[in-house]
Structure formats: C-alpha cells, structure tokens
Amino acid sequence: MRVYFKSPLVALGAGLVVGALLLLVVPGSWLFRDAPSDTSRTSSDSRKWACPMFCTMSDEPGTCPVCGMDMEPVQDHGLKVPLTARQRFMAGVRTEVVKRVPGVHRLRALGKIRHDERLMGHLTAWVSGRLDHLFVDFTGTQVAKGDKVAEIYAPELISAQEELLTARKALNAAKAADQDGELAGHASVVYDAARRRLILLGLPESLVDAIERDGKARDRIEIQANVGGTVLTKHVNTGDYVKTGAKMFTVVDLSRVWAMLEVFEEQAGSVFLGQEVEVEVPSLPGEVFKGKVSFVDPVLDAKRRVVRVRVDLPNKDGRLKPGTFVDAHVFVALTEDGRVHDPAGPGSPGNVLVLPRTAVLDGGDRKLVYVMSQGSESTPDGTERWPAIYEPREIRTGFRIGDAVVLLSGVDEGDAVVTRGQFLIDSQLQLTGKPSLMIPEAAAAPIDPHAGHGR
C-alpha cells in the first residue's frame, strides 16, 4: 500500500515523526550503537543480539524467529548507559549539579478579604419607640463613637425623665425641710436610682445633666453610636417602630482586615501560626501587602477538602475591600532535611538539597533521575578516550522551590543529573530488558518472544 501526500510540508513532517519513532524504538539504532566497549571503564561487557523491532533477544546472531529480520548486536552494560560525545549531542543530553539553596518554599493559596469580626458591632435600640429621624441613611457611611445616628420618640424615656425631675425636686425639698438629714437621705436614694435608670437606657451623662438644668423632659432623644466604623448594614428606616434590643445598624472598623485563605488538604501540614504571607489583589496590580498567619482552622472542610487560614492585614487607608479575591504566598521555612519548620517550635530553618524539576522522571509510585556516574575523557588530540556513563537512581522528593524540587534521598550534593534527554536514556534500558521507569522489575521478568504478536 502506498500513501501519497498532497503537500511536501506534510510529507516532510510525517518523515520527521517516523524518524523520531524509529530512533526511540530500535535498540540497535545508530544513536546508541557505537558506544565503545572499554572494559576498564564499564561493567558487564557481554554482547547480545536483538531484533530491531524487539520481538526477541538472543546470545547468538541470526534472524528473528518472529518477524524474520536480521538480529543486531546490542552491548549489555547492565544498568549503565555509556554515551559518546556524538551520542550526547544527537540526544540533546544536558546535566546540572545538585546543590543546596535556602529552604524557603512559597505555598500559593487563594482567598478573599473579609472584615475583622473582632472589630464589628451593632447599634441597637436600648428602648422601644418610633424612629422619627435617621442621621445615617445609607450603608458605607463612616461613623465615630459618640456620633448621632438616630432620633427616637420613646414614651419610656419620657416617663423616666419625669421621674428624674420629680426625684430632683423632692431631694431639694427634703434638704431644705429636714434638719437631721434622714428624709434627705431617702430622697437622695430615689434621685440616684432615677438618674441611673436614664443612663442605663442609653442617655449620656451630659444629656442627663442638661435635662436637670432645663427642668423639662424631652420628647425625642438622640441615639449616639457606641462603636465607630463603617456602616455595613442599615436595618431600619425613618418612621419604623423598634423594640428594645432591635438592631438598627451593623458597623465594622476596616482599619484592619482579614485575608481568609483556602489551603488544600495535602498542604495543610505546612501552615503554622506566625508564618509570613504576601498578599496581592487584582484591583491593585504590582502592590504587595504583608501579614502573618494568625489562625489555622482546626477543622477540615469535608466537602471542599480545604483548611481555612486567616492572615491579619493592616488597612489604614481602606484600600483592601472586603469581598475582594486575593492571591497569596505563604512562606514555608524548611529544615536541612527538607521538613517543614514550625516558627513556634525548636530548631531553625536551613539550606536544603535541590535538583531541577526537569530532571525528575515521575512514574507515579516511584521517581527516577539519571546521574552521570562517570564523565567522558579525551586525549590531547581530541579523541574521546571513554564515554560518559549514566545510571538511574530512585529518589524521594519534597516541596517545590521555584523551578527546583527538594531532594529528600537518592542523590548526593554535587552529583550531575540529566535534565534533558533522560527519556531516551531510560528507553534504552527498557528496550534492552533492563529495569526502567515504567518497568522496575524488568530484569527479573523473562522476555516473551511472542509479545505483541498473535500466537
């Protein structure tokens, strides 16, 4: 069957794809075929023969019993893969050295700005009555403690004022007529009780003093704010009748706010009280607000699988608006062994061992890197004396730090790990029946000569 391409560019692209596939699947390909067999520098130098399509492998040359193709020689170096300078160039192999860096992991979390619940209060009616006038008639109004917020007509307040004025007159009369002071003492008790009742009903002492000076009860009393801040909710309107204890306004001080973050379940163990946090908001690009973790919810949200974390932020200028989405980074300090450091616990953070993320081959339940166990060496005239040798190492990793990942075990400081081309090296081990990323038990399993073919 022949396939025709309408466009020469399509044909060229198809040729490149086929060439790349052949490069990966043919164990005896020209990329890995010309590795020198220097017995002084490599181990397990026995020669084997393999089918180019990897149907079977044999200790003797000949033809493949499955597909009939000629068997090609394959050099067996055990788990070591030697690569000459030409092979390294064609495979694009690059290496980087494992090193130590400051152990500071930036944990990203999303959330919202919320008001500080400790700075929120309610302006309530201390007596029942009719609101004849509101000085605060819309939400968002700024009020200070002591400001007038409403004017109320309350019969209870009127009767309490009348009682105070009557008790005041009786006290003055008792003082003038009673010679031994016993009657005046009883009158003074009644007077003090009447005055104290007005104060408990919400009237400031200055207003009570003014009522006594005028000698006349006031029909309407001004209600003053007992807390200051921004009015979040207005619960009443002019003309409403309110009962004792009814909410009229909800007020909150926004000079300090919370950033409520959501940290995923698997990251919750990295967050502790006192950790530094940087917060950014979309409405203020380029600006960073700094705070510290002040609370970690002890209960996991069972539906969303997150833990809520609270960060205190100063907001003197009021630019952080409650309800705004935030993008935050929690700075997690690590100890030298790559574990999370609790700011309130013993010990101190240190430098951690890291390797580039691109060096890690992640197979799910296991991770590999390829280490250059031996570098190449050339003669003075430029002839390569022996190739570089690469070996697989199983590793354990921890947190990500930028483009690197914390190394917990498997590789030592100063080792050179392959950051590019490691898939080709791993595929060479897999094609020759050696343990690799996806087939760690390949060495113990015999090769099935009929694998991939019908019996």
Protein backbone atom coordinates (compact mmCIF):
# COMPACT_ATOMS: atom_id res chain seq x y z
CA MET A 1 0.00 0.00 0.00
CA ARG A 2 1.36 3.42 -0.91
CA VAL A 3 0.49 6.67 0.83
CA TYR A 4 0.59 9.92 -1.10
CA PHE A 5 0.83 13.36 0.48
CA LYS A 6 -0.71 16.35 -1.23
CA SER A 7 1.76 18.76 0.35
CA PRO A 8 5.58 18.39 0.55
CA LEU A 9 5.44 20.00 4.03
CA VAL A 10 3.07 17.27 5.23
CA ALA A 11 5.39 14.63 3.82
CA LEU A 12 8.40 16.22 5.49
CA GLY A 13 6.54 16.34 8.84
CA ALA A 14 5.50 12.72 8.55
CA GLY A 15 9.08 11.75 7.80
CA LEU A 16 10.36 13.51 10.89
CA VAL A 17 7.76 11.81 13.10
CA VAL A 18 8.61 8.38 11.72
CA GLY A 19 12.31 9.07 12.15
CA ALA A 20 11.82 10.08 15.77
CA LEU A 21 9.80 6.94 16.49
CA LEU A 22 12.44 4.72 14.93
CA LEU A 23 15.08 6.48 16.98
CA LEU A 24 13.20 5.60 20.16
CA VAL A 25 12.09 2.04 19.44
CA VAL A 26 15.06 0.47 17.65
CA PRO A 27 17.57 -0.74 20.26
CA GLY A 28 20.34 -1.18 17.75
CA SER A 29 19.86 2.27 16.27
CA TRP A 30 22.79 4.40 15.22
CA LEU A 31 22.27 6.72 18.22
CA PHE A 32 23.39 4.11 20.78
CA ARG A 33 25.21 1.61 18.57
CA ASP A 34 28.75 2.98 18.52
CA ALA A 35 29.40 3.15 22.30
CA PRO A 36 32.97 1.93 22.95
CA SER A 37 33.34 -1.30 24.90
CA ASP A 38 36.14 -0.20 27.21
CA THR A 39 36.18 -2.96 29.82
CA SER A 40 38.25 -0.82 32.16
CA ARG A 41 35.53 1.84 32.37
CA THR A 42 32.21 -0.11 32.10
CA SER A 43 30.82 -3.24 33.69
CA SER A 44 29.03 -6.34 32.29
CA ASP A 45 30.54 -6.15 28.78
CA SER A 46 28.84 -9.25 27.36
CA ARG A 47 27.40 -8.93 23.85
CA LYS A 48 23.82 -9.86 22.98
CA TRP A 49 21.73 -9.81 19.82
CA ALA A 50 18.27 -8.28 19.49
CA CYS A 51 15.59 -7.94 16.85
CA PRO A 52 15.35 -4.35 15.56
CA MET A 53 11.62 -4.47 16.37
CA PHE A 54 12.49 -6.02 19.76
CA CYS A 55 10.48 -9.16 19.18
CA THR A 56 13.14 -11.25 20.92
CA MET A 57 16.71 -11.21 22.22
CA SER A 58 19.40 -13.87 21.85
CA ASP A 59 23.00 -14.63 22.76
CA GLU A 60 23.71 -15.60 19.14
CA PRO A 61 23.35 -13.73 15.83
CA GLY A 62 20.80 -14.78 13.23
CA THR A 63 17.30 -13.86 12.18
CA CYS A 64 14.32 -13.08 14.38
CA PRO A 65 12.09 -16.17 14.70
CA VAL A 66 9.04 -13.93 14.90
CA CYS A 67 9.41 -11.35 12.14
CA GLY A 68 12.42 -12.67 10.22
CA MET A 69 14.55 -9.54 10.46
CA ASP A 70 18.29 -9.83 10.99
CA MET A 71 19.35 -9.69 14.64
CA GLU A 72 21.60 -6.75 15.52
CA PRO A 73 24.30 -6.61 18.19
CA VAL A 74 23.41 -4.92 21.47
CA GLN A 75 26.05 -4.07 24.04
CA ASP A 76 24.94 -5.06 27.57
CA HIS A 77 26.31 -2.67 30.19
CA GLY A 78 23.92 -3.61 32.96
CA LEU A 79 22.18 -0.51 34.36
CA LYS A 80 24.90 1.77 32.99
CA VAL A 81 24.32 3.62 29.74
CA PRO A 82 27.53 4.89 28.06
CA LEU A 83 27.16 7.79 25.61
CA THR A 84 29.86 9.23 23.42
CA ALA A 85 30.12 12.93 22.66
CA ARG A 86 28.31 12.41 19.34
CA GLN A 87 25.51 10.46 21.00
CA ARG A 88 25.11 13.07 23.72
CA PHE A 89 24.87 15.78 21.09
CA MET A 90 22.30 13.93 19.00
CA ALA A 91 20.18 13.06 22.05
CA GLY A 92 20.44 16.61 23.41
CA VAL A 93 21.68 15.43 26.81
CA ARG A 94 22.13 18.22 29.38
CA THR A 95 23.14 17.95 33.03
CA GLU A 96 23.03 20.13 36.12
CA VAL A 97 24.68 19.75 39.51
CA VAL A 98 22.66 19.01 42.65
CA LYS A 99 23.18 21.86 45.13
CA ARG A 100 21.93 23.42 48.34
CA VAL A 101 19.81 26.57 48.45
CA PRO A 102 17.96 28.46 51.23
CA GLY A 103 14.99 26.36 52.31
CA VAL A 104 12.09 28.73 51.73
CA HIS A 105 9.06 27.26 49.99
CA ARG A 106 6.34 29.57 48.67
CA LEU A 107 2.96 27.94 49.15
CA ARG A 108 0.33 29.55 46.95
CA ALA A 109 -3.23 29.95 48.23
CA LEU A 110 -6.33 31.79 47.05
CA GLY A 111 -8.93 33.52 49.19
CA LYS A 112 -10.92 36.66 49.93
CA ILE A 113 -10.63 39.80 52.01
CA ARG A 114 -13.01 39.82 54.98
CA HIS A 115 -13.67 42.27 57.78
CA ASP A 116 -12.19 41.57 61.18
CA GLU A 117 -15.02 40.06 63.22
CA ARG A 118 -13.45 41.39 66.42
CA LEU A 119 -13.95 44.97 65.15
CA MET A 120 -17.63 44.56 64.24
CA GLY A 121 -20.53 45.80 66.37
CA HIS A 122 -24.26 46.54 66.25
CA LEU A 123 -26.02 49.80 67.08
CA THR A 124 -29.20 48.70 68.86
CA ALA A 125 -32.25 50.35 70.32
CA TRP A 126 -31.98 50.48 74.11
CA VAL A 127 -35.67 51.35 74.47
CA SER A 128 -38.82 50.78 72.43
CA GLY A 129 -40.09 53.67 70.35
CA ARG A 130 -40.54 55.32 66.96
CA LEU A 131 -37.58 56.47 64.86
CA ASP A 132 -38.52 59.98 63.81
CA HIS A 133 -35.20 60.79 62.13
CA LEU A 134 -32.09 58.92 60.90
CA PHE A 135 -28.80 60.77 60.68
CA VAL A 136 -27.25 57.70 58.97
CA ASP A 137 -29.44 56.95 55.99
CA PHE A 138 -27.24 54.73 53.75
CA THR A 139 -24.68 51.97 54.08
CA GLY A 140 -21.00 52.79 53.77
CA THR A 141 -21.32 55.87 55.98
CA GLN A 142 -18.40 56.42 58.34
CA VAL A 143 -19.42 56.99 61.94
CA ALA A 144 -17.33 57.67 65.04
CA LYS A 145 -18.10 56.65 68.58
CA GLY A 146 -20.47 59.25 70.06
CA ASP A 147 -21.89 60.45 66.72
CA LYS A 148 -25.66 60.93 66.44
CA VAL A 149 -27.23 58.14 64.37
CA ALA A 150 -30.98 58.50 65.02
CA GLU A 151 -33.69 60.40 66.90
CA ILE A 152 -36.32 58.34 68.74
CA TYR A 153 -39.66 59.06 70.37
CA ALA A 154 -39.87 56.70 73.36
CA PRO A 155 -42.62 57.01 76.00
CA GLU A 156 -40.46 55.02 78.39
CA LEU A 157 -37.74 57.66 78.15
CA ILE A 158 -40.24 60.46 78.72
CA SER A 159 -41.57 58.84 81.90
CA ALA A 160 -38.03 58.15 83.10
CA GLN A 161 -37.15 61.82 82.63
CA GLU A 162 -40.27 62.87 84.54
CA GLU A 163 -39.30 60.54 87.36
CA LEU A 164 -35.83 62.10 87.49
CA LEU A 165 -37.20 65.65 87.60
CA THR A 166 -39.68 64.70 90.34
CA ALA A 167 -36.96 62.98 92.37
CA ARG A 168 -34.77 66.06 91.97
CA LYS A 169 -37.49 68.35 93.29
CA ALA A 170 -38.18 66.01 96.21
CA LEU A 171 -34.49 65.91 97.09
CA ASN A 172 -34.22 69.69 97.09
CA ALA A 173 -37.33 69.99 99.26
CA ALA A 174 -36.08 67.35 101.72
CA LYS A 175 -32.74 69.08 102.09
CA ALA A 176 -34.48 72.39 102.88
CA ALA A 177 -37.03 70.99 105.38
CA ASP A 178 -35.23 68.10 107.08
CA GLN A 179 -32.98 69.19 109.90
CA ASP A 180 -31.35 65.86 110.80
CA GLY A 181 -30.93 64.73 107.15
CA GLU A 182 -32.76 61.40 107.41
CA LEU A 183 -35.51 62.39 104.97
CA ALA A 184 -32.94 63.88 102.59
CA GLY A 185 -31.05 60.60 102.62
CA HIS A 186 -34.09 58.65 101.45
CA ALA A 187 -34.79 61.25 98.76
CA SER A 188 -31.19 61.05 97.59
CA VAL A 189 -31.51 57.28 97.09
CA VAL A 190 -34.62 57.76 94.93
CA TYR A 191 -32.90 60.51 92.94
CA ASP A 192 -29.76 58.41 92.28
CA ALA A 193 -31.89 55.48 91.10
CA ALA A 194 -33.87 57.68 88.67
CA ARG A 195 -30.69 59.19 87.27
CA ARG A 196 -29.01 55.79 86.91
CA ARG A 197 -32.05 54.43 85.05
CA LEU A 198 -31.73 57.09 82.34
CA ILE A 199 -28.06 56.34 81.89
CA LEU A 200 -28.80 52.63 81.57
CA LEU A 201 -31.41 53.44 78.91
CA GLY A 202 -28.62 54.90 76.79
CA LEU A 203 -28.59 58.58 77.62
CA PRO A 204 -25.13 60.08 78.13
CA GLU A 205 -24.47 61.82 81.43
CA SER A 206 -24.08 65.17 79.70
CA LEU A 207 -27.64 64.89 78.35
CA VAL A 208 -28.98 63.87 81.77
CA ASP A 209 -27.30 66.94 83.27
CA ALA A 210 -28.89 69.12 80.58
CA ILE A 211 -32.35 67.72 81.34
CA GLU A 212 -31.90 68.52 85.03
CA ARG A 213 -30.76 72.08 84.26
CA ASP A 214 -33.69 72.71 81.93
CA GLY A 215 -36.17 71.09 84.31
CA LYS A 216 -38.16 69.74 81.36
CA ALA A 217 -38.44 66.27 79.79
CA ARG A 218 -37.54 65.94 76.13
CA ASP A 219 -40.00 64.33 73.71
CA ARG A 220 -37.31 62.98 71.39
CA ILE A 221 -33.90 61.65 72.34
CA GLU A 222 -30.85 61.38 70.10
CA ILE A 223 -29.25 57.93 69.89
CA GLN A 224 -25.44 58.01 69.80
CA ALA A 225 -23.10 55.38 68.33
CA ASN A 226 -21.43 53.22 70.93
CA VAL A 227 -18.88 51.94 68.34
CA GLY A 228 -17.19 53.54 65.37
CA GLY A 229 -16.50 52.35 61.84
CA THR A 230 -18.20 51.80 58.51
CA VAL A 231 -21.92 51.05 58.33
CA LEU A 232 -22.24 47.66 56.66
CA THR A 233 -25.99 47.18 57.04
CA LYS A 234 -28.90 49.51 57.74
CA HIS A 235 -31.74 47.54 59.33
CA VAL A 236 -34.29 50.37 59.87
CA ASN A 237 -35.87 53.31 58.11
CA THR A 238 -37.38 56.58 59.28
CA GLY A 239 -40.75 56.01 60.95
CA ASP A 240 -40.06 52.44 61.97
CA TYR A 241 -41.11 51.28 65.42
CA VAL A 242 -38.34 49.35 67.16
CA LYS A 243 -38.31 47.19 70.25
CA THR A 244 -35.68 47.13 72.93
CA GLY A 245 -32.56 45.35 71.63
CA ALA A 246 -33.52 45.60 67.93
CA LYS A 247 -30.59 46.07 65.52
CA MET A 248 -30.55 49.39 63.77
CA PHE A 249 -27.08 49.42 62.14
CA THR A 250 -24.18 46.99 61.75
CA VAL A 251 -20.84 48.79 61.97
CA VAL A 252 -17.30 47.48 61.46
CA ASP A 253 -13.87 49.07 61.74
CA LEU A 254 -11.96 48.39 58.48
CA SER A 255 -8.60 49.74 59.66
CA ARG A 256 -7.57 46.09 59.94
CA VAL A 257 -8.93 43.26 57.79
CA TRP A 258 -8.51 39.52 57.32
CA ALA A 259 -7.33 37.61 54.28
CA MET A 260 -9.18 34.30 54.53
CA LEU A 261 -7.18 31.77 52.51
CA GLU A 262 -8.04 28.21 51.50
CA VAL A 263 -5.19 25.71 51.70
CA PHE A 264 -5.61 22.29 50.12
CA GLU A 265 -5.70 19.27 52.40
CA GLU A 266 -2.33 17.90 51.30
CA GLN A 267 -0.67 21.27 52.03
CA ALA A 268 -2.34 21.95 55.39
CA GLY A 269 0.52 20.43 57.36
CA SER A 270 2.85 23.17 56.06
CA VAL A 271 1.00 26.11 57.62
CA PHE A 272 1.66 27.33 61.16
CA LEU A 273 0.91 30.40 63.24
CA GLY A 274 3.35 33.25 62.68
CA GLN A 275 4.37 32.42 59.10
CA GLU A 276 4.89 35.43 56.85
CA VAL A 277 2.44 35.91 53.99
CA GLU A 278 2.45 38.15 50.92
CA VAL A 279 -0.97 39.07 49.51
CA GLU A 280 -1.83 40.56 46.12
CA VAL A 281 -5.22 41.79 44.92
CA PRO A 282 -6.33 42.19 41.27
CA SER A 283 -7.51 45.76 41.79
CA LEU A 284 -4.04 46.90 42.93
CA PRO A 285 -1.60 45.26 40.49
CA GLY A 286 2.04 45.37 41.49
CA GLU A 287 1.34 46.07 45.15
CA VAL A 288 2.12 43.50 47.85
CA PHE A 289 0.53 43.52 51.30
CA LYS A 290 2.39 41.68 54.05
CA GLY A 291 0.92 39.95 57.06
CA LYS A 292 1.25 36.87 59.25
CA VAL A 293 -0.81 33.76 59.78
CA SER A 294 -2.95 34.42 62.87
CA PHE A 295 -5.29 31.43 62.79
CA VAL A 296 -5.45 27.96 61.22
CA ASP A 297 -8.87 26.32 61.27
CA PRO A 298 -8.61 23.10 63.29
CA VAL A 299 -11.45 21.53 61.24
CA LEU A 300 -11.13 20.48 57.58
CA ASP A 301 -13.93 21.44 55.20
CA ALA A 302 -15.19 17.94 54.38
CA LYS A 303 -16.87 18.97 51.12
CA ARG A 304 -14.14 21.11 49.57
CA ARG A 305 -11.19 19.37 51.27
CA VAL A 306 -9.54 22.64 52.29
CA VAL A 307 -8.37 24.24 55.52
CA ARG A 308 -9.12 27.91 56.08
CA VAL A 309 -6.21 30.09 57.12
CA ARG A 310 -6.54 33.64 58.43
CA VAL A 311 -4.00 36.40 57.84
CA ASP A 312 -4.18 39.78 59.62
CA LEU A 313 -3.54 42.75 57.33
CA PRO A 314 -3.31 46.47 58.21
CA ASN A 315 -5.72 48.62 56.20
CA LYS A 316 -5.34 52.17 57.46
CA ASP A 317 -6.08 53.71 54.06
CA GLY A 318 -9.06 51.41 53.44
CA ARG A 319 -7.87 50.16 50.05
CA LEU A 320 -8.41 46.50 50.86
CA LYS A 321 -12.12 45.98 50.27
CA PRO A 322 -13.96 43.09 51.93
CA GLY A 323 -15.06 40.56 49.32
CA THR A 324 -12.02 41.12 47.06
CA PHE A 325 -10.29 37.99 45.78
CA VAL A 326 -6.64 37.65 46.76
CA ASP A 327 -3.66 35.63 45.58
CA ALA A 328 -1.33 34.88 48.47
CA HIS A 329 2.00 33.18 49.07
CA VAL A 330 2.74 31.63 52.45
CA PHE A 331 6.47 31.40 53.18
CA VAL A 332 7.18 27.92 54.50
CA ALA A 333 10.63 27.54 56.05
CA LEU A 334 12.32 24.14 55.69
CA THR A 335 14.95 22.44 57.80
CA GLU A 336 18.10 20.96 56.28
CA ASP A 337 16.44 17.57 55.86
CA GLY A 338 13.59 19.13 53.84
CA ARG A 339 10.96 19.05 56.59
CA VAL A 340 8.61 21.92 57.45
CA HIS A 341 9.87 24.18 60.25
CA ASP A 342 7.36 25.34 62.84
CA PRO A 343 8.16 29.00 63.75
CA ALA A 344 6.98 28.33 67.30
CA GLY A 345 8.88 25.04 67.61
CA PRO A 346 12.51 24.12 68.22
CA GLY A 347 15.30 24.27 65.66
CA SER A 348 15.81 26.70 62.81
CA PRO A 349 15.44 26.70 59.03
CA GLY A 350 18.44 25.88 56.87
CA ASN A 351 19.65 25.15 53.36
CA VAL A 352 18.10 22.22 51.52
CA LEU A 353 19.30 19.95 48.73
CA VAL A 354 17.51 20.63 45.43
CA LEU A 355 17.61 19.44 41.85
CA PRO A 356 15.87 20.81 38.74
CA ARG A 357 12.28 19.69 38.24
CA THR A 358 13.09 18.77 34.65
CA ALA A 359 15.48 16.11 35.89
CA VAL A 360 12.77 14.03 37.58
CA LEU A 361 11.07 11.17 35.74
CA ASP A 362 7.81 10.66 37.61
CA GLY A 363 6.23 7.24 37.26
CA GLY A 364 3.54 7.83 39.87
CA ASP A 365 4.60 5.43 42.62
CA ARG A 366 8.32 5.97 42.00
CA LYS A 367 10.61 8.70 40.71
CA LEU A 368 13.90 8.39 38.89
CA VAL A 369 16.77 10.61 37.88
CA TYR A 370 19.76 9.72 35.74
CA VAL A 371 23.10 10.57 37.28
CA MET A 372 26.32 10.94 35.31
CA SER A 373 28.38 8.48 37.36
CA GLN A 374 31.44 8.95 35.14
CA GLY A 375 32.36 11.81 32.88
CA SER A 376 33.93 11.38 29.46
CA GLU A 377 37.64 11.92 28.88
CA SER A 378 39.51 12.84 25.72
CA THR A 379 43.11 12.58 24.59
CA PRO A 380 45.15 15.71 23.83
CA ASP A 381 44.32 15.37 20.13
CA GLY A 382 40.57 15.48 20.88
CA THR A 383 39.88 11.78 20.53
CA GLU A 384 37.42 10.57 23.13
CA ARG A 385 39.14 8.01 25.35
CA TRP A 386 35.94 6.77 27.01
CA PRO A 387 32.31 7.91 27.02
CA ALA A 388 30.23 9.41 29.80
CA ILE A 389 28.23 6.86 31.78
CA TYR A 390 24.73 7.43 33.16
CA GLU A 391 22.93 5.40 35.83
CA PRO A 392 19.36 5.51 37.15
CA ARG A 393 18.72 6.49 40.76
CA GLU A 394 15.40 6.19 42.56
CA ILE A 395 14.72 9.32 44.60
CA ARG A 396 12.27 10.85 47.07
CA THR A 397 11.29 14.48 46.62
CA GLY A 398 9.61 17.13 48.75
CA PHE A 399 8.43 20.68 48.16
CA ARG A 400 8.94 22.73 45.04
CA ILE A 401 11.17 25.79 45.31
CA GLY A 402 10.77 27.77 42.10
CA ASP A 403 11.97 25.61 39.20
CA ALA A 404 13.62 23.14 41.57
CA VAL A 405 12.35 20.39 43.84
CA VAL A 406 13.62 19.49 47.31
CA LEU A 407 15.56 16.23 47.35
CA LEU A 408 14.94 14.01 50.36
CA SER A 409 17.03 10.98 49.37
CA GLY A 410 18.62 9.15 46.44
CA VAL A 411 21.25 11.62 45.16
CA ASP A 412 24.12 13.39 46.88
CA GLU A 413 25.21 17.01 46.73
CA GLY A 414 27.49 17.68 43.77
CA ASP A 415 26.12 14.85 41.59
CA ALA A 416 25.38 15.75 37.98
CA VAL A 417 21.82 14.79 36.99
CA VAL A 418 20.42 14.69 33.46
CA THR A 419 17.88 17.45 32.87
CA ARG A 420 17.34 16.82 29.16
CA GLY A 421 17.48 13.62 27.15
CA GLN A 422 16.79 11.33 30.10
CA PHE A 423 13.76 9.80 28.38
CA LEU A 424 15.98 8.47 25.59
CA ILE A 425 18.40 7.04 28.14
CA ASP A 426 15.54 5.41 30.05
CA SER A 427 14.04 3.96 26.87
CA GLN A 428 17.38 2.36 26.00
CA LEU A 429 17.34 0.43 29.29
CA GLN A 430 13.72 -0.55 28.73
CA LEU A 431 14.37 -1.79 25.18
CA THR A 432 17.28 -3.94 26.34
CA GLY A 433 15.17 -5.58 29.03
CA LYS A 434 16.69 -3.70 31.98
CA PRO A 435 14.78 -2.05 34.84
CA SER A 436 13.48 1.37 33.83
CA LEU A 437 10.99 3.97 34.99
CA MET A 438 7.84 2.13 33.95
CA ILE A 439 9.17 -1.43 34.29
CA PRO A 440 11.20 -1.57 37.51
CA GLU A 441 11.09 -5.39 37.64
CA ALA A 442 12.21 -5.93 34.02
CA ALA A 443 15.46 -7.68 34.99
CA ALA A 444 13.60 -10.45 36.78
CA ALA A 445 10.98 -10.97 34.07
CA PRO A 446 11.92 -13.15 31.03
CA ILE A 447 11.37 -11.65 27.60
CA ASP A 448 8.35 -13.13 25.84
CA PRO A 449 9.40 -13.77 22.21
CA HIS A 450 5.75 -13.63 21.14
CA ALA A 451 4.92 -10.38 22.94
CA GLY A 452 2.86 -8.15 20.71
CA HIS A 453 2.19 -10.92 18.17
CA GLY A 454 -0.64 -13.36 17.83
CA ARG A 455 0.17 -16.98 18.76
